Amino acid sequence: MKKILFLNPPPFEGINVIREGRCMQRTGAWTSVWAPVSLATTAAVVREAGFEPMIVDCSVEDMDEAGLSALISSWQPDLVVINTATPSIDSDIAVSSLAKAAYPGTKTLAMGIHPSALPESCFEMDAGLDMVVRGEPEYTIRDDCILGFPGETETTMQQTIDFSKFLKLEYVQFYGDVANFARMVKDFLTWV
């Protein structure tokens, strides 16, 4: 069973940040901590599809980068889904490289308003970032990022990611004949 870590990153410069939808703010005396609803709903969707999700809210759990690195190293997720906010986007996206250093076998994905609006800038921030989700994450993550093509292997999934990066695609969304797109990727990779 594939393991997916849904993550609210560690505090930004020691400040806890709420990363939920359009509510992006620092926590403080006049604000409350919001539950990571988007992470929970997406985790529920992938659990129903047969995957093993784990939700970690580093702000609530008072987990720093060292604690997160230890968790990723021991649990070894196949995918780390990083919830982001514009005020903390640099440190949020940097979690991609932290995750890959802790467990090189993982793939990383950023979600939130910032990756939806400015996906290219997110890829430029950290070479460890593999994917972004534009728009609502629940079914996009399940269908396009995890399930992939029918019969897809880890190798062919990595080839698709590499192909998308080579073409500088900000995201890949498939309409119509998925098998035809898979053949086009295979033909291109053979040509390269």
N, C-alpha and C. Protein backbone atom coordinates (compact mmCIF):
# COMPACT_ATOMS: atom_id res chain seq x y z
N MET A 1 0.84 -1.18 0.00
CA MET A 1 0.00 0.00 0.00
C MET A 1 0.89 1.24 0.00
N LYS A 2 0.59 2.17 -0.91
CA LYS A 2 1.37 3.41 -0.97
C LYS A 2 1.01 4.31 0.20
N LYS A 3 2.05 4.96 0.74
CA LYS A 3 1.88 5.85 1.88
C LYS A 3 1.99 7.29 1.42
N ILE A 4 1.06 8.12 1.88
CA ILE A 4 1.02 9.52 1.50
C ILE A 4 0.99 10.38 2.76
N LEU A 5 1.97 11.26 2.89
CA LEU A 5 2.05 12.17 4.02
C LEU A 5 1.45 13.51 3.61
N PHE A 6 0.39 13.91 4.29
CA PHE A 6 -0.25 15.21 4.08
C PHE A 6 0.29 16.13 5.17
N LEU A 7 0.84 17.26 4.77
CA LEU A 7 1.67 18.02 5.68
C LEU A 7 1.34 19.50 5.71
N ASN A 8 1.12 20.01 6.92
CA ASN A 8 1.19 21.44 7.17
C ASN A 8 2.61 21.66 7.66
N PRO A 9 3.44 22.39 6.91
CA PRO A 9 4.87 22.51 7.23
C PRO A 9 5.15 23.14 8.59
N PRO A 10 6.41 23.02 9.02
CA PRO A 10 6.82 23.63 10.29
C PRO A 10 6.62 25.15 10.27
N PRO A 11 6.63 25.76 11.46
CA PRO A 11 6.46 27.22 11.54
C PRO A 11 7.48 27.96 10.66
N PHE A 12 7.03 29.08 10.11
CA PHE A 12 7.85 29.94 9.25
C PHE A 12 8.53 30.98 10.13
N GLU A 13 9.85 30.92 10.20
CA GLU A 13 10.63 31.84 11.03
C GLU A 13 10.09 31.89 12.46
N GLY A 14 9.72 30.71 12.96
CA GLY A 14 9.21 30.60 14.32
C GLY A 14 7.76 31.01 14.50
N ILE A 15 7.09 31.35 13.39
CA ILE A 15 5.70 31.81 13.45
C ILE A 15 4.80 30.75 12.84
N ASN A 16 3.80 30.31 13.59
CA ASN A 16 2.82 29.37 13.07
C ASN A 16 1.94 30.09 12.04
N VAL A 17 1.70 29.42 10.92
CA VAL A 17 0.92 30.00 9.84
C VAL A 17 -0.28 29.10 9.55
N ILE A 18 -1.45 29.72 9.40
CA ILE A 18 -2.64 28.99 8.97
C ILE A 18 -2.59 28.89 7.46
N ARG A 19 -2.71 27.69 6.94
CA ARG A 19 -2.64 27.44 5.49
C ARG A 19 -3.92 26.73 5.06
N GLU A 20 -5.02 27.39 5.15
CA GLU A 20 -6.28 26.75 4.79
C GLU A 20 -7.06 27.62 3.83
N GLY A 21 -7.10 27.17 2.57
CA GLY A 21 -7.84 27.90 1.55
C GLY A 21 -7.39 29.33 1.44
N ARG A 22 -8.34 30.23 1.44
CA ARG A 22 -8.00 31.64 1.31
C ARG A 22 -7.60 32.26 2.64
N CYS A 23 -7.68 31.50 3.71
CA CYS A 23 -7.29 32.02 5.03
C CYS A 23 -5.81 31.70 5.27
N MET A 24 -4.97 32.65 4.93
CA MET A 24 -3.53 32.49 5.14
C MET A 24 -3.10 33.61 6.09
N GLN A 25 -2.81 33.24 7.31
CA GLN A 25 -2.42 34.25 8.29
C GLN A 25 -1.60 33.60 9.38
N ARG A 26 -0.89 34.43 10.10
CA ARG A 26 -0.13 33.93 11.23
C ARG A 26 -1.07 33.76 12.42
N THR A 27 -0.77 32.78 13.23
CA THR A 27 -1.59 32.59 14.43
C THR A 27 -1.11 33.58 15.49
N GLY A 28 -1.98 33.95 16.36
CA GLY A 28 -1.62 34.91 17.39
C GLY A 28 -2.73 35.03 18.41
N ALA A 29 -2.65 36.08 19.20
CA ALA A 29 -3.62 36.28 20.27
C ALA A 29 -5.04 36.45 19.75
N TRP A 30 -5.21 37.05 18.57
CA TRP A 30 -6.54 37.33 18.05
C TRP A 30 -6.98 36.35 16.96
N THR A 31 -6.20 35.33 16.74
CA THR A 31 -6.58 34.33 15.74
C THR A 31 -6.59 32.95 16.37
N SER A 32 -7.27 32.06 15.72
CA SER A 32 -7.31 30.69 16.20
C SER A 32 -6.59 29.80 15.21
N VAL A 33 -6.23 28.62 15.63
CA VAL A 33 -5.62 27.65 14.74
C VAL A 33 -6.74 26.93 14.01
N TRP A 34 -6.67 26.91 12.71
CA TRP A 34 -7.68 26.24 11.90
C TRP A 34 -7.22 24.84 11.58
N ALA A 35 -8.15 23.91 11.66
CA ALA A 35 -7.83 22.53 11.27
C ALA A 35 -7.51 22.49 9.77
N PRO A 36 -6.58 21.65 9.36
CA PRO A 36 -6.24 21.55 7.93
C PRO A 36 -7.29 20.75 7.17
N VAL A 37 -8.44 21.39 6.92
CA VAL A 37 -9.59 20.72 6.31
C VAL A 37 -9.24 20.16 4.92
N SER A 38 -8.54 20.95 4.11
CA SER A 38 -8.17 20.47 2.77
C SER A 38 -7.31 19.21 2.84
N LEU A 39 -6.41 19.16 3.79
CA LEU A 39 -5.58 17.96 3.95
C LEU A 39 -6.45 16.78 4.38
N ALA A 40 -7.38 17.02 5.30
CA ALA A 40 -8.23 15.94 5.80
C ALA A 40 -9.15 15.39 4.71
N THR A 41 -9.76 16.28 3.92
CA THR A 41 -10.66 15.80 2.88
C THR A 41 -9.90 15.05 1.79
N THR A 42 -8.72 15.54 1.46
CA THR A 42 -7.92 14.85 0.44
C THR A 42 -7.43 13.50 0.97
N ALA A 43 -7.03 13.45 2.23
CA ALA A 43 -6.61 12.18 2.83
C ALA A 43 -7.77 11.18 2.84
N ALA A 44 -8.97 11.65 3.09
CA ALA A 44 -10.13 10.75 3.08
C ALA A 44 -10.37 10.17 1.69
N VAL A 45 -10.21 10.99 0.67
CA VAL A 45 -10.40 10.52 -0.71
C VAL A 45 -9.36 9.47 -1.08
N VAL A 46 -8.08 9.71 -0.73
CA VAL A 46 -7.06 8.72 -1.10
C VAL A 46 -7.15 7.46 -0.25
N ARG A 47 -7.61 7.59 0.99
CA ARG A 47 -7.83 6.39 1.82
C ARG A 47 -8.90 5.51 1.19
N GLU A 48 -9.97 6.14 0.72
CA GLU A 48 -11.05 5.39 0.07
C GLU A 48 -10.53 4.68 -1.19
N ALA A 49 -9.52 5.25 -1.84
CA ALA A 49 -8.94 4.65 -3.05
C ALA A 49 -7.91 3.56 -2.71
N GLY A 50 -7.68 3.31 -1.40
CA GLY A 50 -6.80 2.21 -1.01
C GLY A 50 -5.40 2.60 -0.61
N PHE A 51 -5.15 3.89 -0.38
CA PHE A 51 -3.83 4.34 0.03
C PHE A 51 -3.80 4.59 1.53
N GLU A 52 -2.60 4.68 2.09
CA GLU A 52 -2.44 4.89 3.53
C GLU A 52 -2.00 6.33 3.79
N PRO A 53 -2.94 7.20 4.17
CA PRO A 53 -2.56 8.59 4.43
C PRO A 53 -2.17 8.83 5.89
N MET A 54 -1.34 9.84 6.08
CA MET A 54 -1.02 10.34 7.42
C MET A 54 -1.07 11.86 7.33
N ILE A 55 -1.74 12.51 8.28
CA ILE A 55 -1.81 13.97 8.32
C ILE A 55 -0.94 14.44 9.48
N VAL A 56 -0.05 15.38 9.17
CA VAL A 56 0.80 15.97 10.21
C VAL A 56 0.69 17.49 10.10
N ASP A 57 0.27 18.12 11.19
CA ASP A 57 0.21 19.57 11.26
C ASP A 57 1.35 20.01 12.18
N CYS A 58 2.47 20.39 11.56
CA CYS A 58 3.67 20.71 12.34
C CYS A 58 3.46 21.87 13.30
N SER A 59 2.60 22.83 12.94
CA SER A 59 2.35 23.96 13.85
C SER A 59 1.67 23.49 15.12
N VAL A 60 0.64 22.68 14.98
CA VAL A 60 -0.10 22.20 16.15
C VAL A 60 0.73 21.21 16.96
N GLU A 61 1.50 20.37 16.25
CA GLU A 61 2.29 19.36 16.94
C GLU A 61 3.64 19.89 17.40
N ASP A 62 3.90 21.18 17.18
CA ASP A 62 5.16 21.82 17.57
C ASP A 62 6.36 21.05 17.03
N MET A 63 6.29 20.71 15.74
CA MET A 63 7.34 19.92 15.09
C MET A 63 8.20 20.83 14.21
N ASP A 64 9.50 20.81 14.44
CA ASP A 64 10.41 21.60 13.62
C ASP A 64 10.94 20.76 12.46
N GLU A 65 11.87 21.31 11.68
CA GLU A 65 12.41 20.61 10.51
C GLU A 65 13.09 19.31 10.90
N ALA A 66 13.82 19.29 12.01
CA ALA A 66 14.51 18.07 12.44
C ALA A 66 13.50 16.97 12.78
N GLY A 67 12.44 17.33 13.47
CA GLY A 67 11.41 16.35 13.81
C GLY A 67 10.70 15.84 12.57
N LEU A 68 10.43 16.73 11.62
CA LEU A 68 9.78 16.33 10.38
C LEU A 68 10.69 15.41 9.57
N SER A 69 11.96 15.74 9.52
CA SER A 69 12.92 14.90 8.80
C SER A 69 12.98 13.50 9.40
N ALA A 70 12.99 13.41 10.71
CA ALA A 70 13.00 12.11 11.39
C ALA A 70 11.73 11.31 11.08
N LEU A 71 10.59 11.99 11.07
CA LEU A 71 9.32 11.33 10.77
C LEU A 71 9.33 10.77 9.34
N ILE A 72 9.76 11.58 8.38
CA ILE A 72 9.79 11.15 6.98
C ILE A 72 10.77 9.99 6.80
N SER A 73 11.91 10.08 7.45
CA SER A 73 12.92 9.01 7.35
C SER A 73 12.39 7.69 7.89
N SER A 74 11.64 7.74 8.98
CA SER A 74 11.15 6.50 9.57
C SER A 74 9.89 5.97 8.88
N TRP A 75 8.98 6.85 8.46
CA TRP A 75 7.72 6.39 7.85
C TRP A 75 7.87 6.10 6.36
N GLN A 76 8.79 6.77 5.69
CA GLN A 76 9.10 6.58 4.27
C GLN A 76 7.88 6.67 3.36
N PRO A 77 7.27 7.85 3.28
CA PRO A 77 6.10 8.01 2.41
C PRO A 77 6.49 7.97 0.94
N ASP A 78 5.58 7.47 0.12
CA ASP A 78 5.78 7.48 -1.33
C ASP A 78 5.55 8.88 -1.89
N LEU A 79 4.68 9.65 -1.24
CA LEU A 79 4.35 11.00 -1.68
C LEU A 79 4.20 11.89 -0.45
N VAL A 80 4.79 13.09 -0.52
CA VAL A 80 4.60 14.10 0.52
C VAL A 80 3.83 15.25 -0.11
N VAL A 81 2.62 15.51 0.42
CA VAL A 81 1.76 16.58 -0.05
C VAL A 81 1.94 17.75 0.90
N ILE A 82 2.42 18.88 0.37
CA ILE A 82 2.77 20.04 1.19
C ILE A 82 1.71 21.12 1.02
N ASN A 83 1.01 21.45 2.10
CA ASN A 83 0.06 22.54 2.10
C ASN A 83 0.86 23.84 2.17
N THR A 84 0.49 24.85 1.39
CA THR A 84 1.28 26.07 1.34
C THR A 84 0.42 27.31 1.58
N ALA A 85 1.11 28.40 1.90
CA ALA A 85 0.49 29.72 2.03
C ALA A 85 1.47 30.74 1.44
N THR A 86 0.97 31.79 0.87
CA THR A 86 1.84 32.79 0.26
C THR A 86 2.81 33.42 1.26
N PRO A 87 2.39 33.78 2.47
CA PRO A 87 3.35 34.40 3.40
C PRO A 87 4.54 33.51 3.76
N SER A 88 4.36 32.20 3.68
CA SER A 88 5.43 31.27 4.06
C SER A 88 5.87 30.40 2.89
N ILE A 89 5.59 30.83 1.66
CA ILE A 89 5.79 29.97 0.50
C ILE A 89 7.22 29.46 0.35
N ASP A 90 8.22 30.31 0.58
CA ASP A 90 9.61 29.86 0.43
C ASP A 90 9.95 28.71 1.36
N SER A 91 9.59 28.85 2.63
CA SER A 91 9.89 27.77 3.58
C SER A 91 8.99 26.57 3.36
N ASP A 92 7.76 26.79 2.91
CA ASP A 92 6.86 25.67 2.63
C ASP A 92 7.43 24.81 1.49
N ILE A 93 7.82 25.46 0.40
CA ILE A 93 8.34 24.73 -0.76
C ILE A 93 9.68 24.08 -0.43
N ALA A 94 10.47 24.68 0.45
CA ALA A 94 11.77 24.10 0.84
C ALA A 94 11.61 22.75 1.53
N VAL A 95 10.42 22.47 2.03
CA VAL A 95 10.15 21.16 2.64
C VAL A 95 10.36 20.04 1.61
N SER A 96 10.24 20.36 0.32
CA SER A 96 10.46 19.37 -0.74
C SER A 96 11.85 18.75 -0.65
N SER A 97 12.86 19.60 -0.56
CA SER A 97 14.24 19.09 -0.46
C SER A 97 14.48 18.40 0.87
N LEU A 98 13.89 18.92 1.93
CA LEU A 98 14.01 18.26 3.24
C LEU A 98 13.44 16.85 3.16
N ALA A 99 12.29 16.70 2.51
CA ALA A 99 11.65 15.38 2.39
C ALA A 99 12.53 14.43 1.59
N LYS A 100 13.09 14.90 0.49
CA LYS A 100 13.93 14.03 -0.35
C LYS A 100 15.24 13.68 0.34
N ALA A 101 15.77 14.59 1.15
CA ALA A 101 16.99 14.29 1.92
C ALA A 101 16.69 13.23 2.98
N ALA A 102 15.51 13.31 3.58
CA ALA A 102 15.13 12.35 4.63
C ALA A 102 14.80 10.99 4.04
N TYR A 103 14.17 10.97 2.87
CA TYR A 103 13.82 9.72 2.20
C TYR A 103 13.85 9.96 0.69
N PRO A 104 14.95 9.64 0.04
CA PRO A 104 15.12 9.92 -1.39
C PRO A 104 14.07 9.29 -2.29
N GLY A 105 13.38 8.26 -1.84
CA GLY A 105 12.38 7.59 -2.67
C GLY A 105 11.05 8.30 -2.76
N THR A 106 10.89 9.41 -2.06
CA THR A 106 9.59 10.09 -2.05
C THR A 106 9.44 11.06 -3.21
N LYS A 107 8.20 11.31 -3.58
CA LYS A 107 7.84 12.36 -4.53
C LYS A 107 7.22 13.48 -3.71
N THR A 108 7.32 14.72 -4.20
CA THR A 108 6.78 15.85 -3.46
C THR A 108 5.78 16.61 -4.32
N LEU A 109 4.78 17.16 -3.65
CA LEU A 109 3.70 17.87 -4.34
C LEU A 109 3.28 19.04 -3.47
N ALA A 110 3.12 20.22 -4.07
CA ALA A 110 2.65 21.40 -3.35
C ALA A 110 1.22 21.71 -3.76
N MET A 111 0.42 22.10 -2.78
CA MET A 111 -0.96 22.49 -3.04
C MET A 111 -1.25 23.79 -2.32
N GLY A 112 -2.25 24.50 -2.77
CA GLY A 112 -2.64 25.76 -2.16
C GLY A 112 -2.85 26.83 -3.21
N ILE A 113 -3.21 28.01 -2.75
CA ILE A 113 -3.51 29.10 -3.67
C ILE A 113 -2.26 29.53 -4.44
N HIS A 114 -1.12 29.60 -3.78
CA HIS A 114 0.10 30.05 -4.45
C HIS A 114 0.51 29.11 -5.59
N PRO A 115 0.62 27.79 -5.34
CA PRO A 115 0.94 26.89 -6.47
C PRO A 115 -0.12 26.93 -7.57
N SER A 116 -1.38 27.15 -7.20
CA SER A 116 -2.44 27.24 -8.21
C SER A 116 -2.24 28.46 -9.12
N ALA A 117 -1.87 29.57 -8.52
CA ALA A 117 -1.73 30.81 -9.28
C ALA A 117 -0.36 30.96 -9.94
N LEU A 118 0.69 30.49 -9.27
CA LEU A 118 2.06 30.70 -9.75
C LEU A 118 2.88 29.40 -9.71
N PRO A 119 2.46 28.39 -10.46
CA PRO A 119 3.15 27.11 -10.38
C PRO A 119 4.62 27.18 -10.80
N GLU A 120 4.93 27.96 -11.82
CA GLU A 120 6.32 28.03 -12.30
C GLU A 120 7.24 28.58 -11.23
N SER A 121 6.78 29.59 -10.49
CA SER A 121 7.64 30.15 -9.45
C SER A 121 7.89 29.14 -8.34
N CYS A 122 6.92 28.27 -8.08
CA CYS A 122 7.12 27.23 -7.06
C CYS A 122 8.22 26.26 -7.49
N PHE A 123 8.21 25.86 -8.76
CA PHE A 123 9.26 24.95 -9.25
C PHE A 123 10.63 25.62 -9.19
N GLU A 124 10.68 26.92 -9.42
CA GLU A 124 11.94 27.65 -9.38
C GLU A 124 12.49 27.78 -7.96
N MET A 125 11.63 27.71 -6.96
CA MET A 125 12.04 27.87 -5.56
C MET A 125 12.84 26.70 -5.04
N ASP A 126 12.54 25.48 -5.51
CA ASP A 126 13.19 24.30 -4.95
C ASP A 126 13.20 23.18 -5.98
N ALA A 127 14.38 22.69 -6.28
CA ALA A 127 14.52 21.62 -7.28
C ALA A 127 13.92 20.30 -6.79
N GLY A 128 13.66 20.18 -5.51
CA GLY A 128 13.08 18.96 -4.96
C GLY A 128 11.59 18.83 -5.18
N LEU A 129 10.93 19.89 -5.65
CA LEU A 129 9.49 19.86 -5.87
C LEU A 129 9.20 19.14 -7.19
N ASP A 130 8.38 18.09 -7.12
CA ASP A 130 8.04 17.31 -8.31
C ASP A 130 6.76 17.77 -8.99
N MET A 131 5.74 18.15 -8.22
CA MET A 131 4.43 18.43 -8.79
C MET A 131 3.75 19.54 -8.01
N VAL A 132 2.80 20.21 -8.68
CA VAL A 132 1.89 21.13 -8.00
C VAL A 132 0.48 20.74 -8.40
N VAL A 133 -0.47 21.12 -7.57
CA VAL A 133 -1.88 20.95 -7.89
C VAL A 133 -2.44 22.34 -8.10
N ARG A 134 -3.12 22.52 -9.22
CA ARG A 134 -3.83 23.78 -9.46
C ARG A 134 -5.30 23.53 -9.20
N GLY A 135 -5.88 24.34 -8.34
CA GLY A 135 -7.29 24.18 -8.03
C GLY A 135 -7.51 23.25 -6.86
N GLU A 136 -8.67 22.64 -6.85
CA GLU A 136 -9.06 21.78 -5.73
C GLU A 136 -8.23 20.50 -5.74
N PRO A 137 -7.72 20.09 -4.57
CA PRO A 137 -6.75 18.99 -4.54
C PRO A 137 -7.31 17.58 -4.45
N GLU A 138 -8.51 17.40 -3.91
CA GLU A 138 -8.96 16.06 -3.52
C GLU A 138 -8.86 15.04 -4.66
N TYR A 139 -9.59 15.26 -5.72
CA TYR A 139 -9.62 14.27 -6.79
C TYR A 139 -8.45 14.42 -7.76
N THR A 140 -7.89 15.62 -7.84
CA THR A 140 -6.71 15.81 -8.68
C THR A 140 -5.55 14.97 -8.16
N ILE A 141 -5.33 15.00 -6.85
CA ILE A 141 -4.24 14.21 -6.27
C ILE A 141 -4.51 12.73 -6.44
N ARG A 142 -5.73 12.30 -6.17
CA ARG A 142 -6.05 10.88 -6.31
C ARG A 142 -5.92 10.42 -7.76
N ASP A 143 -6.51 11.14 -8.68
CA ASP A 143 -6.61 10.66 -10.05
C ASP A 143 -5.36 10.92 -10.89
N ASP A 144 -4.82 12.14 -10.83
CA ASP A 144 -3.73 12.49 -11.73
C ASP A 144 -2.35 12.23 -11.14
N CYS A 145 -2.22 12.35 -9.84
CA CYS A 145 -0.88 12.25 -9.25
C CYS A 145 -0.58 10.88 -8.65
N ILE A 146 -1.61 10.18 -8.21
CA ILE A 146 -1.37 8.90 -7.54
C ILE A 146 -1.74 7.73 -8.42
N LEU A 147 -2.96 7.73 -8.93
CA LEU A 147 -3.40 6.59 -9.71
C LEU A 147 -2.72 6.54 -11.07
N GLY A 148 -2.52 7.71 -11.69
CA GLY A 148 -1.80 7.75 -12.96
C GLY A 148 -2.50 6.97 -14.06
N PHE A 149 -1.71 6.43 -14.96
CA PHE A 149 -2.25 5.68 -16.08
C PHE A 149 -2.56 4.25 -15.65
N PRO A 150 -3.53 3.62 -16.28
CA PRO A 150 -3.78 2.20 -15.99
C PRO A 150 -2.52 1.39 -16.30
N GLY A 151 -2.09 0.57 -15.36
CA GLY A 151 -0.91 -0.26 -15.56
C GLY A 151 0.41 0.49 -15.41
N GLU A 152 0.36 1.73 -14.95
CA GLU A 152 1.57 2.53 -14.82
C GLU A 152 2.46 1.98 -13.72
N THR A 153 3.76 1.98 -13.96
CA THR A 153 4.73 1.53 -12.96
C THR A 153 5.43 2.76 -12.38
N GLU A 154 6.23 2.55 -11.36
CA GLU A 154 7.00 3.66 -10.78
C GLU A 154 7.91 4.28 -11.84
N THR A 155 8.51 3.44 -12.67
CA THR A 155 9.42 3.93 -13.72
C THR A 155 8.68 4.80 -14.72
N THR A 156 7.52 4.33 -15.19
CA THR A 156 6.79 5.12 -16.18
C THR A 156 6.21 6.39 -15.56
N MET A 157 5.85 6.34 -14.27
CA MET A 157 5.40 7.56 -13.60
C MET A 157 6.53 8.57 -13.56
N GLN A 158 7.75 8.13 -13.22
CA GLN A 158 8.88 9.04 -13.18
C GLN A 158 9.19 9.59 -14.57
N GLN A 159 9.04 8.76 -15.59
CA GLN A 159 9.26 9.23 -16.95
C GLN A 159 8.25 10.32 -17.32
N THR A 160 7.01 10.16 -16.90
CA THR A 160 5.98 11.17 -17.16
C THR A 160 6.33 12.48 -16.46
N ILE A 161 6.77 12.38 -15.20
CA ILE A 161 7.17 13.58 -14.46
C ILE A 161 8.35 14.25 -15.16
N ASP A 162 9.35 13.47 -15.54
CA ASP A 162 10.53 14.02 -16.23
C ASP A 162 10.13 14.67 -17.55
N PHE A 163 9.25 14.00 -18.30
CA PHE A 163 8.77 14.52 -19.58
C PHE A 163 8.06 15.85 -19.37
N SER A 164 7.21 15.93 -18.35
CA SER A 164 6.49 17.17 -18.07
C SER A 164 7.44 18.29 -17.71
N LYS A 165 8.47 17.99 -16.92
CA LYS A 165 9.46 19.00 -16.55
C LYS A 165 10.27 19.43 -17.77
N PHE A 166 10.62 18.47 -18.65
CA PHE A 166 11.39 18.77 -19.86
C PHE A 166 10.63 19.76 -20.73
N LEU A 167 9.32 19.56 -20.84
CA LEU A 167 8.49 20.46 -21.65
C LEU A 167 8.12 21.73 -20.90
N LYS A 168 8.56 21.82 -19.63
CA LYS A 168 8.25 22.95 -18.76
C LYS A 168 6.75 23.12 -18.58
N LEU A 169 6.05 21.99 -18.48
CA LEU A 169 4.62 22.03 -18.21
C LEU A 169 4.43 22.36 -16.74
N GLU A 170 3.53 23.28 -16.44
CA GLU A 170 3.30 23.62 -15.05
C GLU A 170 2.47 22.56 -14.36
N TYR A 171 1.68 21.85 -15.10
CA TYR A 171 0.91 20.74 -14.56
C TYR A 171 0.47 19.88 -15.72
N VAL A 172 0.06 18.68 -15.43
CA VAL A 172 -0.44 17.79 -16.46
C VAL A 172 -1.87 17.43 -16.07
N GLN A 173 -2.81 17.69 -16.95
CA GLN A 173 -4.18 17.28 -16.71
C GLN A 173 -4.63 16.58 -17.98
N PHE A 174 -5.20 15.41 -17.85
CA PHE A 174 -5.53 14.59 -19.00
C PHE A 174 -7.02 14.63 -19.28
N TYR A 175 -7.35 14.84 -20.53
CA TYR A 175 -8.73 14.76 -20.98
C TYR A 175 -8.77 13.75 -22.11
N GLY A 176 -9.83 13.00 -22.20
CA GLY A 176 -9.98 12.09 -23.32
C GLY A 176 -9.17 10.83 -23.17
N ASP A 177 -8.44 10.47 -24.21
CA ASP A 177 -7.77 9.19 -24.31
C ASP A 177 -6.43 9.19 -23.56
N VAL A 178 -6.44 8.72 -22.33
CA VAL A 178 -5.23 8.68 -21.52
C VAL A 178 -4.21 7.73 -22.13
N ALA A 179 -4.67 6.62 -22.68
CA ALA A 179 -3.75 5.65 -23.28
C ALA A 179 -2.99 6.28 -24.44
N ASN A 180 -3.65 7.14 -25.22
CA ASN A 180 -2.98 7.81 -26.33
C ASN A 180 -1.89 8.73 -25.81
N PHE A 181 -2.17 9.46 -24.72
CA PHE A 181 -1.15 10.33 -24.14
C PHE A 181 0.03 9.50 -23.64
N ALA A 182 -0.25 8.35 -23.04
CA ALA A 182 0.82 7.47 -22.57
C ALA A 182 1.70 7.02 -23.74
N ARG A 183 1.08 6.71 -24.87
CA ARG A 183 1.86 6.33 -26.06
C ARG A 183 2.71 7.49 -26.55
N MET A 184 2.16 8.71 -26.52
CA MET A 184 2.93 9.88 -26.95
C MET A 184 4.14 10.08 -26.04
N VAL A 185 3.96 9.91 -24.73
CA VAL A 185 5.09 10.03 -23.80
C VAL A 185 6.13 8.97 -24.12
N LYS A 186 5.69 7.74 -24.30
CA LYS A 186 6.63 6.64 -24.61
C LYS A 186 7.38 6.91 -25.91
N ASP A 187 6.67 7.37 -26.94
CA ASP A 187 7.31 7.67 -28.22
C ASP A 187 8.34 8.80 -28.05
N PHE A 188 7.98 9.82 -27.28
CA PHE A 188 8.89 10.93 -27.07
C PHE A 188 10.14 10.46 -26.33
N LEU A 189 9.95 9.66 -25.27
CA LEU A 189 11.09 9.19 -24.49
C LEU A 189 11.99 8.30 -25.33
N THR A 190 11.42 7.53 -26.25
CA THR A 190 12.22 6.71 -27.15
C THR A 190 13.01 7.60 -28.10
N TRP A 191 12.39 8.69 -28.56
CA TRP A 191 13.03 9.62 -29.48
C TRP A 191 14.18 10.37 -28.80
N VAL A 192 13.97 10.78 -27.52
CA VAL A 192 14.99 11.51 -26.79
C VAL A 192 16.14 10.58 -26.51
